[in-house]
């Protein structure tokens, strides 16, 4: 098996704003992205999208496992209720680490169950994580994605990532396995680091390409906003090649739980028989670094100290990711929408503190009527709790029961089985319900006057409270969640069936012409005269990922690859054009 594996979990180039390389200056774009492997280009386009611009992005991958990963990573970027640093750390952990922090694994298990339900729910086909549409996939492909999502929270005990990684290394290196650290050191210092230090780029003019040996300083104009090449991730690269762990995100938390989103099943032929094997069948040579830490928009990250990079790869990846996420969420706010506040998930619900204060006031009034001589005690009690509400032990049992119900509803906690039986609530099967807070359901509870009226009739109060809970559970089971993900107007990401890889001549899912066609290194063989020929106009731009970030290739082989791609493009009517995104080639239709 080749070192880059069967599943393209990440790309081999930095994230690019594809819109900035289109010749079509309009408010609506249609883009076809083939084999990118992850969501990096999608995230950058969403972050830099101008207000009012409409995007229809068609994503085509060879395996549904990659689709599942794209949904997972996009979900982290768009989900409400996460802080900036927490979101970036979670994203990088799921993106590039073979093992996860326990908190990241908990998130993965939680959303895996959610996605498994949504991918098989016809009402959710066009609204996965808010903007992803899976309606163009075939039924068997959606069922396969359902199996993938379920495997994320079911394979933890069966999948050993360390063993899977070691097996792949032994298959790849064979008799060089004992010298694997030296092999990784050679790949970094003699291939990737050397190419980064001598990275040449074309100027903004569309005249001719400069000498490849000439080093050109990066500028925002010719680097898609990147101002520096950051080559400080050598230490992380060597560690990743040995263990599969790319980013050291939290030193106080050990990453020890399998990242099951990187686990997959491959089919192997042994003689006349075929075997299905579970393991890690992704990239072993390059890693997620070009997609996350190769270049930066911050010139500070390119600074050197004593001839070495000031920042390591994890720092660069973290800052790059935080920058994109912050830009995306600020743009969302600029559209006039307010960030959902988790503390306001239940605007119609009465808080526990208000109920406690009402009960305290009622108890005080009752004592004053029944025992006027006890005023001094009441006064002392009020002084002792001048700045605090009454504790649960000082509230009558009847009120405490009501507060407990409302408190659990407000926090989204589930009732115990015993309490459910007391309220007449049937036990719901595990995995079929979702917490109240994530749904944003407005639970209308009884207010303080009703509590006072029901103190002498607790059975009736409990019955009413149980009815409210039953109604909430029914709503949650029947209605999809709201406000779980931010809504980005005018953006639709459509997943195409992997069978389209066999024939890209005519894509019935696409109406009209394409503004941008993107081909990754793994899909460069699709650059023929039949490539979306019914959807190409004079404004169509073709971007092809280069092989510069593949350490198994020599410099001569990289140059030969780019020459062959350029020749193939010219043979079918595409002409080279500059500038292009980092690690990409750019073409346009000269005569059409």
Foldseek 3Di string as FASTA:
>chain_A
DDQQFDAQQAAQAAAFQVVVVFPDPDQEFEEEAEARNECRNVLLNLLPPDPSRFYEYEYAYQALLSVLRNLVLVLLLFFADDDLLRSLLLNCQLRFAQFHFPVSLVVLLVVLLVLLVQLQDPVNQFQRLHFEHAPQADPVSSVVSSVLSVCSNVCQVPADQQVLLLVSLCVHCPVCSVVQLVVLVCLLPVAQVVCLVQPDFADFDFDDRDDSRDHDQDDCRQANLFRAFASQASVLSSVCLNGRGRAPSDPVTDRDTGSSSQKDWDWDDDPPDIDIDIGRRRHNFFTNQNHQQGTANDVLQRDDDPNHGPDYRNVRSSVRSSVSSVSSVVVLVVVVDDRDDLLCLAVQADALQQLQQLQLVVVLVVCCVVPVVCVVVNVVVCVVQVPHGDDLVPGDPLSSVVSVLSVCLSVQHDDDPVVCVVLVHDDDDPSQFDGSSLQSDHQHDDDNVVSVVCSVPSVVVSNVSSVSVVVVRVCRNVPDGPSRTRHDPNHHYYYHYSVCLVAQQDDVVDDEAHREYEEEPVSLVVLALSHPVVRADQRHKYKYAFCSSGSVDDPVRSVVRVVVSQVRNVVNQWHWGDDDHPRMTMTGHPDD
